[in-house]
Amino acid sequence: MNKIVKLRDVLLNIEEFEWSDALFLVRDKECTLDSKCAVLDPDDVENDADEEPRFAIDNNLKYVLNMQDIGSIVDAT
């Protein structure tokens, strides 16, 4: 899913994502439900030197949590 969405939409639709995916949020911004983010495969890198997917790098996004952990948090509430 190489598109920017709101964190609220990710949390409300957690079942639509693969457990192997991860949440990436905009760097250096306060996290709110309206924060811009993306759900990406953290292993989808162009070469071994890249630590994050190209989409994350291009959009100033950082890795936050994997979707399995986020799913556990959402289920607990």
C-alpha atoms as a PDB file:
ATOM      1  CA  MET A   1       0.000   0.000   0.000  1.00  0.00           C
ATOM      2  CA  ASN A   2       2.226   2.789  -1.221  1.00  0.00           C
ATOM      3  CA  LYS A   3       0.027   5.704  -0.290  1.00  0.00           C
ATOM      4  CA  ILE A   4      -0.249   8.205   2.532  1.00  0.00           C
ATOM      5  CA  VAL A   5      -3.271   7.750   4.812  1.00  0.00           C
ATOM      6  CA  LYS A   6      -4.362   8.930   8.249  1.00  0.00           C
ATOM      7  CA  LEU A   7      -3.435   6.874  11.298  1.00  0.00           C
ATOM      8  CA  ARG A   8      -7.123   6.767  12.251  1.00  0.00           C
ATOM      9  CA  ASP A   9      -7.928   4.901   9.007  1.00  0.00           C
ATOM     10  CA  VAL A  10      -5.200   2.349   9.647  1.00  0.00           C
ATOM     11  CA  LEU A  11      -6.455   1.635  13.171  1.00  0.00           C
ATOM     12  CA  LEU A  12     -10.086   1.362  12.058  1.00  0.00           C
ATOM     13  CA  ASN A  13      -9.194  -1.040   9.236  1.00  0.00           C
ATOM     14  CA  ILE A  14      -6.446  -3.084  10.851  1.00  0.00           C
ATOM     15  CA  GLU A  15      -7.800  -6.348   9.404  1.00  0.00           C
ATOM     16  CA  GLU A  16      -7.034  -5.161   5.852  1.00  0.00           C
ATOM     17  CA  PHE A  17      -3.254  -5.284   6.386  1.00  0.00           C
ATOM     18  CA  GLU A  18      -0.763  -8.139   6.375  1.00  0.00           C
ATOM     19  CA  TRP A  19       0.822  -8.983   9.735  1.00  0.00           C
ATOM     20  CA  SER A  20       4.216  -8.752   8.016  1.00  0.00           C
ATOM     21  CA  ASP A  21       3.620  -5.068   7.162  1.00  0.00           C
ATOM     22  CA  ALA A  22       4.629  -2.164   9.395  1.00  0.00           C
ATOM     23  CA  LEU A  23       3.402   1.308  10.246  1.00  0.00           C
ATOM     24  CA  PHE A  24       5.541   4.259   9.146  1.00  0.00           C
ATOM     25  CA  LEU A  25       4.808   7.777  10.435  1.00  0.00           C
ATOM     26  CA  VAL A  26       6.140  11.171   9.353  1.00  0.00           C
ATOM     27  CA  ARG A  27       9.447  11.935  11.069  1.00  0.00           C
ATOM     28  CA  ASP A  28       9.628  14.661  13.712  1.00  0.00           C
ATOM     29  CA  LYS A  29       5.873  15.185  13.972  1.00  0.00           C
ATOM     30  CA  GLU A  30       3.578  14.703  16.942  1.00  0.00           C
ATOM     31  CA  CYS A  31       1.508  11.551  16.571  1.00  0.00           C
ATOM     32  CA  THR A  32      -2.282  12.021  16.526  1.00  0.00           C
ATOM     33  CA  LEU A  33      -5.138  10.115  14.939  1.00  0.00           C
ATOM     34  CA  ASP A  34      -4.900  12.528  12.009  1.00  0.00           C
ATOM     35  CA  SER A  35      -1.171  11.939  11.503  1.00  0.00           C
ATOM     36  CA  LYS A  36      -0.098  11.024   7.999  1.00  0.00           C
ATOM     37  CA  CYS A  37       1.310   7.535   7.708  1.00  0.00           C
ATOM     38  CA  ALA A  38       1.742   4.533   5.442  1.00  0.00           C
ATOM     39  CA  VAL A  39       1.574   0.789   5.910  1.00  0.00           C
ATOM     40  CA  LEU A  40       4.511  -0.808   4.106  1.00  0.00           C
ATOM     41  CA  ASP A  41       6.444  -4.048   3.910  1.00  0.00           C
ATOM     42  CA  PRO A  42       9.571  -3.164   5.924  1.00  0.00           C
ATOM     43  CA  ASP A  43      11.600  -5.691   3.914  1.00  0.00           C
ATOM     44  CA  ASP A  44      10.730  -4.065   0.577  1.00  0.00           C
ATOM     45  CA  VAL A  45      14.081  -2.288   0.210  1.00  0.00           C
ATOM     46  CA  GLU A  46      15.963  -1.653  -3.031  1.00  0.00           C
ATOM     47  CA  ASN A  47      19.300  -2.877  -1.702  1.00  0.00           C
ATOM     48  CA  ASP A  48      20.854  -4.105   1.526  1.00  0.00           C
ATOM     49  CA  ALA A  49      22.180  -0.624   2.394  1.00  0.00           C
ATOM     50  CA  ASP A  50      18.640   0.794   2.654  1.00  0.00           C
ATOM     51  CA  GLU A  51      17.083   0.499   6.079  1.00  0.00           C
ATOM     52  CA  GLU A  52      13.590   1.526   4.972  1.00  0.00           C
ATOM     53  CA  PRO A  53      11.456   1.104   1.840  1.00  0.00           C
ATOM     54  CA  ARG A  54      11.966   3.741  -0.877  1.00  0.00           C
ATOM     55  CA  PHE A  55       8.393   5.056  -0.355  1.00  0.00           C
ATOM     56  CA  ALA A  56       9.193   5.735   3.312  1.00  0.00           C
ATOM     57  CA  ILE A  57      12.441   7.508   2.446  1.00  0.00           C
ATOM     58  CA  ASP A  58      10.815   9.609  -0.277  1.00  0.00           C
ATOM     59  CA  ASN A  59       7.993  10.690   2.064  1.00  0.00           C
ATOM     60  CA  ASN A  60      10.093  11.322   5.189  1.00  0.00           C
ATOM     61  CA  LEU A  61       8.503   8.409   7.066  1.00  0.00           C
ATOM     62  CA  LYS A  62      10.025   6.366   9.872  1.00  0.00           C
ATOM     63  CA  TYR A  63       9.299   2.830  11.061  1.00  0.00           C
ATOM     64  CA  VAL A  64       7.105   2.762  14.175  1.00  0.00           C
ATOM     65  CA  LEU A  65       5.631  -0.703  14.857  1.00  0.00           C
ATOM     66  CA  ASN A  66       4.780  -3.849  12.964  1.00  0.00           C
ATOM     67  CA  MET A  67       1.128  -4.463  12.188  1.00  0.00           C
ATOM     68  CA  GLN A  68       0.990  -7.550  14.396  1.00  0.00           C
ATOM     69  CA  ASP A  69       1.833  -5.436  17.458  1.00  0.00           C
ATOM     70  CA  ILE A  70      -0.618  -2.729  16.426  1.00  0.00           C
ATOM     71  CA  GLY A  71      -3.309  -5.369  15.943  1.00  0.00           C
ATOM     72  CA  SER A  72      -2.691  -6.644  19.477  1.00  0.00           C
ATOM     73  CA  ILE A  73      -3.046  -3.124  20.859  1.00  0.00           C
ATOM     74  CA  VAL A  74      -6.272  -2.467  18.925  1.00  0.00           C
ATOM     75  CA  ASP A  75      -7.725  -5.823  20.069  1.00  0.00           C
ATOM     76  CA  ALA A  76      -6.954  -4.985  23.703  1.00  0.00           C
ATOM     77  CA  THR A  77      -9.029  -1.820  23.657  1.00  0.00           C
END
